[in-house]
């Protein structure tokens, strides 16, 4: 079965790149284009070429006429235009999905591979409903105190939307998914013991999927040349070579997305370092199975290696942990 079509974000970026290429081939500046077609603002063309707005098929058709696009190219780009405006069925079913979650959902649609690292949380694609609910409610309380109207949204709707996103890991054309999890993140007091138990059990189940690789980074493990990753990030790869790899850098309240090659390459080097420093996939699964029966311990003190890691450390010291990465 062929992979699913890329999501709207990638379609918009692909369309923008092709339109810019056609404009430059026609020898036209942005100002000349605006003047000839009578648009009121140059920002409209800029946003279209940079993939920051949903394209209107009529607008794209006008540009293709101006640039002298051939019939085959015109047909292809108009098809991409329709895909760029398609929010996909399940996205339409969750209109109150936050802008952040919607952006990630669009990136995930149609991707062939995802590389992910989060130093403080279980990544969204791996969260149980209970874990996600606690995170969403906590964020809503912050927004409420800050006077943000989004705080009034129903958290259950966003929980269901996040679970819908997770279906991509088990679809027939599921992408390859590799995540590096921080022991410190798994040991945080993220909720009551029963919720943590369910989260650990879920990680065990997901880790056994054939397309999923989970790697655990233990506390005090050296990363590369003593590197300390400052924030969470993800790299998205797509089957079509014309759809560029995309980097998503997660901040506390703001995310940055980029396809710039130098920036992407830096983060890919960091991800290689993280994987090299982390436990192997099989040892990670063993750690998770051992921790599943004791989530209350995993959430306790982080002094030294912490109780949750002690069994893994003892196995490593006795040679029961393999050293393959």
C-alpha atoms as a PDB file:
ATOM      1  CA  UNK A   1       0.000   0.000   0.000  1.00  0.00           C
ATOM      2  CA  UNK A   2       1.458   3.419  -0.919  1.00  0.00           C
ATOM      3  CA  UNK A   3       2.040   5.903   1.910  1.00  0.00           C
ATOM      4  CA  UNK A   4      -0.705   8.370   2.725  1.00  0.00           C
ATOM      5  CA  UNK A   5      -0.516  11.774   1.097  1.00  0.00           C
ATOM      6  CA  UNK A   6       1.416  14.417   3.046  1.00  0.00           C
ATOM      7  CA  UNK A   7      -0.620  16.737   5.219  1.00  0.00           C
ATOM      8  CA  UNK A   8      -1.691  20.270   4.342  1.00  0.00           C
ATOM      9  CA  UNK A   9       1.403  21.931   5.838  1.00  0.00           C
ATOM     10  CA  UNK A  10       3.733  20.002   3.534  1.00  0.00           C
ATOM     11  CA  UNK A  11       1.449  20.559   0.567  1.00  0.00           C
ATOM     12  CA  UNK A  12       1.464  24.308   1.206  1.00  0.00           C
ATOM     13  CA  UNK A  13       5.239  24.376   1.468  1.00  0.00           C
ATOM     14  CA  UNK A  14       5.623  22.301  -1.677  1.00  0.00           C
ATOM     15  CA  UNK A  15       3.203  24.553  -3.566  1.00  0.00           C
ATOM     16  CA  UNK A  16       4.959  27.699  -2.350  1.00  0.00           C
ATOM     17  CA  UNK A  17       8.352  26.391  -3.436  1.00  0.00           C
ATOM     18  CA  UNK A  18       7.057  25.531  -6.908  1.00  0.00           C
ATOM     19  CA  UNK A  19       5.312  28.899  -7.329  1.00  0.00           C
ATOM     20  CA  UNK A  20       8.465  30.764  -6.321  1.00  0.00           C
ATOM     21  CA  UNK A  21      10.496  28.686  -8.774  1.00  0.00           C
ATOM     22  CA  UNK A  22       8.044  29.457 -11.593  1.00  0.00           C
ATOM     23  CA  UNK A  23       8.064  33.177 -10.762  1.00  0.00           C
ATOM     24  CA  UNK A  24      11.854  33.322 -10.792  1.00  0.00           C
ATOM     25  CA  UNK A  25      11.977  31.361 -14.039  1.00  0.00           C
ATOM     26  CA  UNK A  26       9.608  33.943 -15.534  1.00  0.00           C
ATOM     27  CA  UNK A  27      12.004  36.689 -14.426  1.00  0.00           C
ATOM     28  CA  UNK A  28       9.441  38.441 -12.235  1.00  0.00           C
ATOM     29  CA  UNK A  29       9.856  40.070  -8.845  1.00  0.00           C
ATOM     30  CA  UNK A  30       7.180  39.857  -6.193  1.00  0.00           C
ATOM     31  CA  UNK A  31       6.265  43.515  -6.704  1.00  0.00           C
ATOM     32  CA  UNK A  32       5.880  42.985 -10.455  1.00  0.00           C
ATOM     33  CA  UNK A  33       3.541  40.051  -9.865  1.00  0.00           C
ATOM     34  CA  UNK A  34       1.385  42.052  -7.443  1.00  0.00           C
ATOM     35  CA  UNK A  35       1.163  44.941  -9.898  1.00  0.00           C
ATOM     36  CA  UNK A  36       0.202  42.751 -12.856  1.00  0.00           C
ATOM     37  CA  UNK A  37      -2.535  40.748 -11.154  1.00  0.00           C
ATOM     38  CA  UNK A  38      -3.847  43.599  -9.023  1.00  0.00           C
ATOM     39  CA  UNK A  39      -3.502  42.148  -5.546  1.00  0.00           C
ATOM     40  CA  UNK A  40      -3.752  44.743  -2.802  1.00  0.00           C
ATOM     41  CA  UNK A  41      -0.868  43.467  -0.678  1.00  0.00           C
ATOM     42  CA  UNK A  42       2.551  41.967  -1.339  1.00  0.00           C
ATOM     43  CA  UNK A  43       2.198  39.955   1.868  1.00  0.00           C
ATOM     44  CA  UNK A  44      -0.409  37.738   0.182  1.00  0.00           C
ATOM     45  CA  UNK A  45       2.138  36.486  -2.340  1.00  0.00           C
ATOM     46  CA  UNK A  46       4.827  36.191   0.321  1.00  0.00           C
ATOM     47  CA  UNK A  47       2.616  34.090   2.578  1.00  0.00           C
ATOM     48  CA  UNK A  48       1.638  31.880  -0.355  1.00  0.00           C
ATOM     49  CA  UNK A  49       5.251  31.293  -1.418  1.00  0.00           C
ATOM     50  CA  UNK A  50       6.327  30.571   2.157  1.00  0.00           C
ATOM     51  CA  UNK A  51       3.481  28.128   2.788  1.00  0.00           C
ATOM     52  CA  UNK A  52       1.966  30.209   5.569  1.00  0.00           C
ATOM     53  CA  UNK A  53      -1.581  30.487   4.218  1.00  0.00           C
ATOM     54  CA  UNK A  54      -4.159  28.169   2.708  1.00  0.00           C
ATOM     55  CA  UNK A  55      -4.088  28.692  -1.049  1.00  0.00           C
ATOM     56  CA  UNK A  56      -7.149  29.618  -3.056  1.00  0.00           C
ATOM     57  CA  UNK A  57      -7.351  27.599  -6.321  1.00  0.00           C
ATOM     58  CA  UNK A  58      -8.435  30.713  -8.245  1.00  0.00           C
ATOM     59  CA  UNK A  59      -5.420  32.678  -6.988  1.00  0.00           C
ATOM     60  CA  UNK A  60      -3.070  29.843  -7.871  1.00  0.00           C
ATOM     61  CA  UNK A  61      -4.639  29.586 -11.325  1.00  0.00           C
ATOM     62  CA  UNK A  62      -4.024  33.298 -11.950  1.00  0.00           C
ATOM     63  CA  UNK A  63      -0.368  32.912 -10.959  1.00  0.00           C
ATOM     64  CA  UNK A  64       0.096  29.845 -13.151  1.00  0.00           C
ATOM     65  CA  UNK A  65      -1.314  31.753 -16.129  1.00  0.00           C
ATOM     66  CA  UNK A  66       1.030  34.664 -15.463  1.00  0.00           C
ATOM     67  CA  UNK A  67       4.053  32.384 -15.130  1.00  0.00           C
ATOM     68  CA  UNK A  68       3.241  30.415 -18.281  1.00  0.00           C
ATOM     69  CA  UNK A  69       3.006  27.016 -16.603  1.00  0.00           C
ATOM     70  CA  UNK A  70       2.495  24.038 -18.905  1.00  0.00           C
ATOM     71  CA  UNK A  71      -0.662  21.925 -18.837  1.00  0.00           C
ATOM     72  CA  UNK A  72       0.909  19.019 -16.944  1.00  0.00           C
ATOM     73  CA  UNK A  73       2.514  21.252 -14.339  1.00  0.00           C
ATOM     74  CA  UNK A  74      -0.666  23.261 -13.990  1.00  0.00           C
ATOM     75  CA  UNK A  75      -2.695  20.119 -13.318  1.00  0.00           C
ATOM     76  CA  UNK A  76      -0.173  18.895 -10.743  1.00  0.00           C
ATOM     77  CA  UNK A  77       0.004  22.196  -8.860  1.00  0.00           C
ATOM     78  CA  UNK A  78      -3.757  22.675  -8.797  1.00  0.00           C
ATOM     79  CA  UNK A  79      -4.082  19.170  -7.321  1.00  0.00           C
ATOM     80  CA  UNK A  80      -1.534  20.116  -4.662  1.00  0.00           C
ATOM     81  CA  UNK A  81      -3.538  23.293  -4.022  1.00  0.00           C
ATOM     82  CA  UNK A  82      -6.627  21.244  -3.199  1.00  0.00           C
ATOM     83  CA  UNK A  83      -4.617  18.961  -0.914  1.00  0.00           C
ATOM     84  CA  UNK A  84      -3.107  22.014   0.805  1.00  0.00           C
ATOM     85  CA  UNK A  85      -6.575  23.202   1.762  1.00  0.00           C
ATOM     86  CA  UNK A  86      -7.850  19.792   2.872  1.00  0.00           C
ATOM     87  CA  UNK A  87      -7.971  19.579   6.660  1.00  0.00           C
ATOM     88  CA  UNK A  88      -8.640  15.815   6.477  1.00  0.00           C
ATOM     89  CA  UNK A  89     -11.772  14.258   7.885  1.00  0.00           C
ATOM     90  CA  UNK A  90     -10.773  13.705  11.472  1.00  0.00           C
ATOM     91  CA  UNK A  91      -9.229  17.166  11.777  1.00  0.00           C
ATOM     92  CA  UNK A  92     -12.575  18.651  10.760  1.00  0.00           C
ATOM     93  CA  UNK A  93     -14.181  16.612  13.532  1.00  0.00           C
ATOM     94  CA  UNK A  94     -12.083  18.413  16.137  1.00  0.00           C
ATOM     95  CA  UNK A  95     -12.464  22.135  15.401  1.00  0.00           C
ATOM     96  CA  UNK A  96     -11.237  23.192  18.854  1.00  0.00           C
ATOM     97  CA  UNK A  97      -7.890  21.424  18.494  1.00  0.00           C
ATOM     98  CA  UNK A  98      -5.237  23.916  19.519  1.00  0.00           C
ATOM     99  CA  UNK A  99      -3.169  25.535  16.804  1.00  0.00           C
ATOM    100  CA  UNK A 100      -0.073  23.750  18.124  1.00  0.00           C
ATOM    101  CA  UNK A 101      -1.645  20.299  18.020  1.00  0.00           C
ATOM    102  CA  UNK A 102      -3.178  20.954  14.602  1.00  0.00           C
ATOM    103  CA  UNK A 103       0.229  21.889  13.180  1.00  0.00           C
ATOM    104  CA  UNK A 104       1.782  18.661  14.445  1.00  0.00           C
ATOM    105  CA  UNK A 105      -1.179  16.619  13.187  1.00  0.00           C
ATOM    106  CA  UNK A 106      -0.772  18.081   9.706  1.00  0.00           C
ATOM    107  CA  UNK A 107       2.954  17.316   9.708  1.00  0.00           C
ATOM    108  CA  UNK A 108       2.366  13.745  10.820  1.00  0.00           C
ATOM    109  CA  UNK A 109      -0.160  13.050   8.072  1.00  0.00           C
ATOM    110  CA  UNK A 110       1.631  11.217   5.289  1.00  0.00           C
ATOM    111  CA  UNK A 111       5.116  11.254   6.837  1.00  0.00           C
ATOM    112  CA  UNK A 112       7.359   8.243   6.265  1.00  0.00           C
ATOM    113  CA  UNK A 113       9.529   8.614   9.368  1.00  0.00           C
ATOM    114  CA  UNK A 114       9.501  10.568  12.633  1.00  0.00           C
ATOM    115  CA  UNK A 115      12.473  11.125  14.946  1.00  0.00           C
ATOM    116  CA  UNK A 116      11.475  12.599  18.308  1.00  0.00           C
ATOM    117  CA  UNK A 117      13.096  13.706  21.561  1.00  0.00           C
ATOM    118  CA  UNK A 118      11.485  15.268  24.604  1.00  0.00           C
ATOM    119  CA  UNK A 119      13.477  15.924  27.793  1.00  0.00           C
ATOM    120  CA  UNK A 120      10.531  16.698  30.076  1.00  0.00           C
ATOM    121  CA  UNK A 121       7.402  14.878  28.847  1.00  0.00           C
ATOM    122  CA  UNK A 122       6.214  11.668  27.269  1.00  0.00           C
ATOM    123  CA  UNK A 123       5.768  12.670  23.585  1.00  0.00           C
ATOM    124  CA  UNK A 124       2.180  13.310  22.505  1.00  0.00           C
ATOM    125  CA  UNK A 125       2.059  10.307  20.161  1.00  0.00           C
ATOM    126  CA  UNK A 126       2.853   8.039  23.125  1.00  0.00           C
ATOM    127  CA  UNK A 127       0.582   9.544  25.777  1.00  0.00           C
ATOM    128  CA  UNK A 128      -2.367   7.730  27.306  1.00  0.00           C
ATOM    129  CA  UNK A 129      -5.639   9.611  27.593  1.00  0.00           C
ATOM    130  CA  UNK A 130      -5.053  10.040  31.321  1.00  0.00           C
ATOM    131  CA  UNK A 131      -1.554  11.437  30.912  1.00  0.00           C
ATOM    132  CA  UNK A 132      -2.680  13.756  28.115  1.00  0.00           C
ATOM    133  CA  UNK A 133      -5.634  14.952  30.191  1.00  0.00           C
ATOM    134  CA  UNK A 134      -3.366  15.943  33.076  1.00  0.00           C
ATOM    135  CA  UNK A 135      -1.016  17.812  30.747  1.00  0.00           C
ATOM    136  CA  UNK A 136      -3.857  19.621  28.948  1.00  0.00           C
ATOM    137  CA  UNK A 137      -5.601  20.646  32.166  1.00  0.00           C
ATOM    138  CA  UNK A 138      -2.323  21.906  33.627  1.00  0.00           C
ATOM    139  CA  UNK A 139      -1.644  23.970  30.498  1.00  0.00           C
ATOM    140  CA  UNK A 140      -5.200  25.322  30.600  1.00  0.00           C
ATOM    141  CA  UNK A 141      -4.684  26.518  34.158  1.00  0.00           C
ATOM    142  CA  UNK A 142      -1.578  28.405  33.093  1.00  0.00           C
ATOM    143  CA  UNK A 143      -3.508  29.945  30.192  1.00  0.00           C
ATOM    144  CA  UNK A 144      -6.386  30.853  32.496  1.00  0.00           C
ATOM    145  CA  UNK A 145      -4.099  32.650  34.931  1.00  0.00           C
ATOM    146  CA  UNK A 146      -2.559  34.489  31.989  1.00  0.00           C
ATOM    147  CA  UNK A 147      -5.989  35.617  30.762  1.00  0.00           C
ATOM    148  CA  UNK A 148      -5.871  33.442  27.633  1.00  0.00           C
ATOM    149  CA  UNK A 149      -9.390  32.640  26.286  1.00  0.00           C
ATOM    150  CA  UNK A 150      -8.206  29.207  25.103  1.00  0.00           C
ATOM    151  CA  UNK A 151      -8.303  28.130  28.743  1.00  0.00           C
ATOM    152  CA  UNK A 152     -12.091  27.746  28.427  1.00  0.00           C
ATOM    153  CA  UNK A 153     -11.905  24.976  25.782  1.00  0.00           C
ATOM    154  CA  UNK A 154     -13.130  21.487  26.714  1.00  0.00           C
ATOM    155  CA  UNK A 155     -10.034  19.380  27.533  1.00  0.00           C
ATOM    156  CA  UNK A 156     -11.820  16.145  26.583  1.00  0.00           C
ATOM    157  CA  UNK A 157     -12.120  17.302  22.984  1.00  0.00           C
ATOM    158  CA  UNK A 158      -8.378  17.834  22.799  1.00  0.00           C
ATOM    159  CA  UNK A 159      -7.708  14.485  24.487  1.00  0.00           C
ATOM    160  CA  UNK A 160      -9.792  12.746  21.805  1.00  0.00           C
ATOM    161  CA  UNK A 161      -7.986  14.697  19.100  1.00  0.00           C
ATOM    162  CA  UNK A 162      -4.612  13.619  20.466  1.00  0.00           C
ATOM    163  CA  UNK A 163      -5.744   9.998  20.502  1.00  0.00           C
ATOM    164  CA  UNK A 164      -6.879  10.377  16.900  1.00  0.00           C
ATOM    165  CA  UNK A 165      -3.380  11.605  16.015  1.00  0.00           C
ATOM    166  CA  UNK A 166      -1.908   8.479  17.582  1.00  0.00           C
ATOM    167  CA  UNK A 167      -3.730   6.236  15.119  1.00  0.00           C
ATOM    168  CA  UNK A 168      -0.996   6.930  12.566  1.00  0.00           C
ATOM    169  CA  UNK A 169       1.329   4.556  14.471  1.00  0.00           C
ATOM    170  CA  UNK A 170      -0.946   1.589  13.764  1.00  0.00           C
ATOM    171  CA  UNK A 171      -2.334   2.423  10.327  1.00  0.00           C
ATOM    172  CA  UNK A 172      -1.430   0.034   7.459  1.00  0.00           C
ATOM    173  CA  UNK A 173       1.150   2.466   6.044  1.00  0.00           C
ATOM    174  CA  UNK A 174       2.430   3.553   9.458  1.00  0.00           C
ATOM    175  CA  UNK A 175       5.593   5.670   9.488  1.00  0.00           C
ATOM    176  CA  UNK A 176       8.791   4.546  11.185  1.00  0.00           C
ATOM    177  CA  UNK A 177       8.849   6.196  14.604  1.00  0.00           C
ATOM    178  CA  UNK A 178      11.908   6.531  16.835  1.00  0.00           C
ATOM    179  CA  UNK A 179      11.714   8.371  20.143  1.00  0.00           C
ATOM    180  CA  UNK A 180      14.384   9.028  22.751  1.00  0.00           C
ATOM    181  CA  UNK A 181      12.795   9.246  26.194  1.00  0.00           C
ATOM    182  CA  UNK A 182      14.492  10.837  29.187  1.00  0.00           C
ATOM    183  CA  UNK A 183      14.471   8.844  32.412  1.00  0.00           C
ATOM    184  CA  UNK A 184      13.962  12.140  34.225  1.00  0.00           C
ATOM    185  CA  UNK A 185      10.796  12.774  32.199  1.00  0.00           C
ATOM    186  CA  UNK A 186       9.410   9.332  33.050  1.00  0.00           C
ATOM    187  CA  UNK A 187      10.256   9.882  36.698  1.00  0.00           C
ATOM    188  CA  UNK A 188       8.437  13.171  37.066  1.00  0.00           C
ATOM    189  CA  UNK A 189       5.387  13.340  39.308  1.00  0.00           C
ATOM    190  CA  UNK A 190       3.138  13.803  36.323  1.00  0.00           C
ATOM    191  CA  UNK A 191       0.008  12.472  37.983  1.00  0.00           C
ATOM    192  CA  UNK A 192      -1.407   9.873  40.392  1.00  0.00           C
ATOM    193  CA  UNK A 193       0.166   6.375  40.583  1.00  0.00           C
ATOM    194  CA  UNK A 194      -2.624   4.638  38.653  1.00  0.00           C
ATOM    195  CA  UNK A 195      -2.249   7.077  35.760  1.00  0.00           C
ATOM    196  CA  UNK A 196       1.519   6.506  35.692  1.00  0.00           C
ATOM    197  CA  UNK A 197       0.968   2.742  35.740  1.00  0.00           C
ATOM    198  CA  UNK A 198      -1.269   2.996  32.675  1.00  0.00           C
ATOM    199  CA  UNK A 199       1.284   5.226  30.929  1.00  0.00           C
ATOM    200  CA  UNK A 200       4.162   2.811  31.524  1.00  0.00           C
ATOM    201  CA  UNK A 201       2.025  -0.126  30.383  1.00  0.00           C
ATOM    202  CA  UNK A 202       1.075   1.768  27.234  1.00  0.00           C
ATOM    203  CA  UNK A 203       4.730   2.516  26.474  1.00  0.00           C
ATOM    204  CA  UNK A 204       5.448  -1.215  26.714  1.00  0.00           C
ATOM    205  CA  UNK A 205       2.701  -1.980  24.204  1.00  0.00           C
ATOM    206  CA  UNK A 206       3.734   0.727  21.754  1.00  0.00           C
ATOM    207  CA  UNK A 207       7.409  -0.271  21.999  1.00  0.00           C
ATOM    208  CA  UNK A 208       6.514  -3.703  20.621  1.00  0.00           C
ATOM    209  CA  UNK A 209       5.010  -2.320  17.404  1.00  0.00           C
ATOM    210  CA  UNK A 210       7.234  -3.272  14.434  1.00  0.00           C
ATOM    211  CA  UNK A 211       7.555   0.325  13.222  1.00  0.00           C
ATOM    212  CA  UNK A 212       8.288   1.844  16.652  1.00  0.00           C
ATOM    213  CA  UNK A 213      11.661   2.144  18.394  1.00  0.00           C
ATOM    214  CA  UNK A 214      11.883   3.616  21.891  1.00  0.00           C
ATOM    215  CA  UNK A 215      15.264   4.437  23.458  1.00  0.00           C
ATOM    216  CA  UNK A 216      15.697   5.426  27.102  1.00  0.00           C
ATOM    217  CA  UNK A 217      18.325   7.978  28.086  1.00  0.00           C
ATOM    218  CA  UNK A 218      19.399   7.356  31.671  1.00  0.00           C
ATOM    219  CA  UNK A 219      20.288  10.154  34.066  1.00  0.00           C
ATOM    220  CA  UNK A 220      23.868  11.432  33.975  1.00  0.00           C
ATOM    221  CA  UNK A 221      24.565   9.707  30.653  1.00  0.00           C
ATOM    222  CA  UNK A 222      27.102  11.553  28.519  1.00  0.00           C
ATOM    223  CA  UNK A 223      25.644  12.785  25.219  1.00  0.00           C
ATOM    224  CA  UNK A 224      28.131  13.269  22.385  1.00  0.00           C
ATOM    225  CA  UNK A 225      30.747  15.842  23.291  1.00  0.00           C
ATOM    226  CA  UNK A 226      29.058  16.570  26.654  1.00  0.00           C
ATOM    227  CA  UNK A 227      26.098  18.050  24.815  1.00  0.00           C
ATOM    228  CA  UNK A 228      22.938  19.086  26.679  1.00  0.00           C
ATOM    229  CA  UNK A 229      19.852  19.269  24.393  1.00  0.00           C
ATOM    230  CA  UNK A 230      18.017  22.433  25.448  1.00  0.00           C
ATOM    231  CA  UNK A 231      14.527  21.567  24.250  1.00  0.00           C
ATOM    232  CA  UNK A 232      12.225  19.006  22.656  1.00  0.00           C
ATOM    233  CA  UNK A 233      12.354  18.512  18.891  1.00  0.00           C
ATOM    234  CA  UNK A 234      11.091  16.269  16.107  1.00  0.00           C
ATOM    235  CA  UNK A 235      12.270  15.543  12.568  1.00  0.00           C
ATOM    236  CA  UNK A 236       9.720  14.541   9.915  1.00  0.00           C
ATOM    237  CA  UNK A 237      10.731  12.736   6.730  1.00  0.00           C
ATOM    238  CA  UNK A 238       8.505  12.109   3.718  1.00  0.00           C
ATOM    239  CA  UNK A 239       8.417   9.558   0.925  1.00  0.00           C
ATOM    240  CA  UNK A 240       8.452  12.169  -1.845  1.00  0.00           C
ATOM    241  CA  UNK A 241      11.965  13.687  -2.138  1.00  0.00           C
ATOM    242  CA  UNK A 242      10.383  16.969  -3.224  1.00  0.00           C
ATOM    243  CA  UNK A 243       8.698  17.255   0.184  1.00  0.00           C
ATOM    244  CA  UNK A 244      11.552  18.519   2.373  1.00  0.00           C
ATOM    245  CA  UNK A 245      12.414  17.159   5.780  1.00  0.00           C
ATOM    246  CA  UNK A 246      10.881  19.352   8.457  1.00  0.00           C
ATOM    247  CA  UNK A 247      12.187  20.154  11.915  1.00  0.00           C
ATOM    248  CA  UNK A 248       9.824  21.086  14.739  1.00  0.00           C
ATOM    249  CA  UNK A 249      11.407  22.649  17.829  1.00  0.00           C
ATOM    250  CA  UNK A 250       9.105  22.732  20.834  1.00  0.00           C
ATOM    251  CA  UNK A 251       9.334  25.561  23.321  1.00  0.00           C
ATOM    252  CA  UNK A 252       7.312  25.953  26.474  1.00  0.00           C
ATOM    253  CA  UNK A 253       4.576  27.968  24.773  1.00  0.00           C
ATOM    254  CA  UNK A 254       5.934  28.502  21.251  1.00  0.00           C
ATOM    255  CA  UNK A 255       7.031  26.106  18.502  1.00  0.00           C
ATOM    256  CA  UNK A 256       9.335  26.745  15.561  1.00  0.00           C
ATOM    257  CA  UNK A 257       9.240  24.774  12.307  1.00  0.00           C
ATOM    258  CA  UNK A 258      12.001  24.839   9.728  1.00  0.00           C
ATOM    259  CA  UNK A 259      13.236  23.017   6.632  1.00  0.00           C
ATOM    260  CA  UNK A 260      16.529  24.933   6.501  1.00  0.00           C
ATOM    261  CA  UNK A 261      19.274  22.392   5.765  1.00  0.00           C
ATOM    262  CA  UNK A 262      21.958  23.580   8.198  1.00  0.00           C
ATOM    263  CA  UNK A 263      19.550  23.723  11.125  1.00  0.00           C
ATOM    264  CA  UNK A 264      18.122  20.305  10.272  1.00  0.00           C
ATOM    265  CA  UNK A 265      21.572  18.751  10.032  1.00  0.00           C
ATOM    266  CA  UNK A 266      22.545  20.053  13.468  1.00  0.00           C
ATOM    267  CA  UNK A 267      19.516  18.467  15.075  1.00  0.00           C
ATOM    268  CA  UNK A 268      20.057  15.204  13.214  1.00  0.00           C
ATOM    269  CA  UNK A 269      23.590  15.064  14.637  1.00  0.00           C
ATOM    270  CA  UNK A 270      22.156  15.663  18.113  1.00  0.00           C
ATOM    271  CA  UNK A 271      19.615  12.874  17.585  1.00  0.00           C
ATOM    272  CA  UNK A 272      22.412  10.483  16.581  1.00  0.00           C
ATOM    273  CA  UNK A 273      24.253  11.392  19.778  1.00  0.00           C
ATOM    274  CA  UNK A 274      21.099  10.816  21.820  1.00  0.00           C
ATOM    275  CA  UNK A 275      20.560   7.376  20.292  1.00  0.00           C
ATOM    276  CA  UNK A 276      24.203   6.440  20.830  1.00  0.00           C
ATOM    277  CA  UNK A 277      23.982   7.424  24.498  1.00  0.00           C
ATOM    278  CA  UNK A 278      20.602   5.795  25.167  1.00  0.00           C
ATOM    279  CA  UNK A 279      19.824   2.203  26.086  1.00  0.00           C
ATOM    280  CA  UNK A 280      19.168  -0.161  23.201  1.00  0.00           C
ATOM    281  CA  UNK A 281      15.557  -0.744  22.187  1.00  0.00           C
ATOM    282  CA  UNK A 282      15.498  -4.158  23.897  1.00  0.00           C
ATOM    283  CA  UNK A 283      16.999  -2.816  27.134  1.00  0.00           C
ATOM    284  CA  UNK A 284      14.572   0.089  27.056  1.00  0.00           C
ATOM    285  CA  UNK A 285      11.681  -2.364  26.815  1.00  0.00           C
ATOM    286  CA  UNK A 286      13.101  -4.348  29.751  1.00  0.00           C
ATOM    287  CA  UNK A 287      13.358  -1.138  31.783  1.00  0.00           C
ATOM    288  CA  UNK A 288       9.766  -0.233  30.948  1.00  0.00           C
ATOM    289  CA  UNK A 289       8.442  -3.680  31.855  1.00  0.00           C
ATOM    290  CA  UNK A 290      10.233  -3.511  35.193  1.00  0.00           C
ATOM    291  CA  UNK A 291       8.956   0.002  35.842  1.00  0.00           C
ATOM    292  CA  UNK A 292       5.379  -0.860  34.873  1.00  0.00           C
ATOM    293  CA  UNK A 293       4.730  -2.603  38.142  1.00  0.00           C
ATOM    294  CA  UNK A 294       6.086   0.257  40.215  1.00  0.00           C
ATOM    295  CA  UNK A 295       5.009   3.647  38.809  1.00  0.00           C
ATOM    296  CA  UNK A 296       4.775   5.115  42.289  1.00  0.00           C
ATOM    297  CA  UNK A 297       8.492   4.354  42.726  1.00  0.00           C
ATOM    298  CA  UNK A 298       9.315   5.790  39.317  1.00  0.00           C
ATOM    299  CA  UNK A 299       7.717   9.044  40.380  1.00  0.00           C
ATOM    300  CA  UNK A 300       9.651   9.346  43.648  1.00  0.00           C
ATOM    301  CA  UNK A 301      12.972  10.973  44.484  1.00  0.00           C
ATOM    302  CA  UNK A 302      15.422  11.638  41.668  1.00  0.00           C
ATOM    303  CA  UNK A 303      18.428  11.460  44.013  1.00  0.00           C
ATOM    304  CA  UNK A 304      21.308   9.616  42.330  1.00  0.00           C
ATOM    305  CA  UNK A 305      19.752   7.362  39.692  1.00  0.00           C
ATOM    306  CA  UNK A 306      16.381   7.113  41.403  1.00  0.00           C
ATOM    307  CA  UNK A 307      14.569   3.933  42.468  1.00  0.00           C
ATOM    308  CA  UNK A 308      13.064   3.367  39.029  1.00  0.00           C
ATOM    309  CA  UNK A 309      16.493   3.151  37.439  1.00  0.00           C
ATOM    310  CA  UNK A 310      18.213   1.136  40.125  1.00  0.00           C
ATOM    311  CA  UNK A 311      17.191  -2.264  38.654  1.00  0.00           C
ATOM    312  CA  UNK A 312      18.456  -1.228  35.221  1.00  0.00           C
ATOM    313  CA  UNK A 313      21.707   0.024  36.727  1.00  0.00           C
ATOM    314  CA  UNK A 314      22.164  -3.250  38.613  1.00  0.00           C
ATOM    315  CA  UNK A 315      21.581  -5.278  35.462  1.00  0.00           C
ATOM    316  CA  UNK A 316      24.065  -3.109  33.576  1.00  0.00           C
ATOM    317  CA  UNK A 317      26.682  -3.592  36.320  1.00  0.00           C
ATOM    318  CA  UNK A 318      26.179  -7.358  36.308  1.00  0.00           C
ATOM    319  CA  UNK A 319      26.399  -7.612  32.536  1.00  0.00           C
ATOM    320  CA  UNK A 320      22.718  -8.428  32.029  1.00  0.00           C
ATOM    321  CA  UNK A 321      22.226  -5.305  29.961  1.00  0.00           C
ATOM    322  CA  UNK A 322      23.589  -5.459  26.446  1.00  0.00           C
ATOM    323  CA  UNK A 323      25.771  -2.666  25.123  1.00  0.00           C
ATOM    324  CA  UNK A 324      24.393  -2.516  21.588  1.00  0.00           C
ATOM    325  CA  UNK A 325      22.821   0.768  20.584  1.00  0.00           C
END
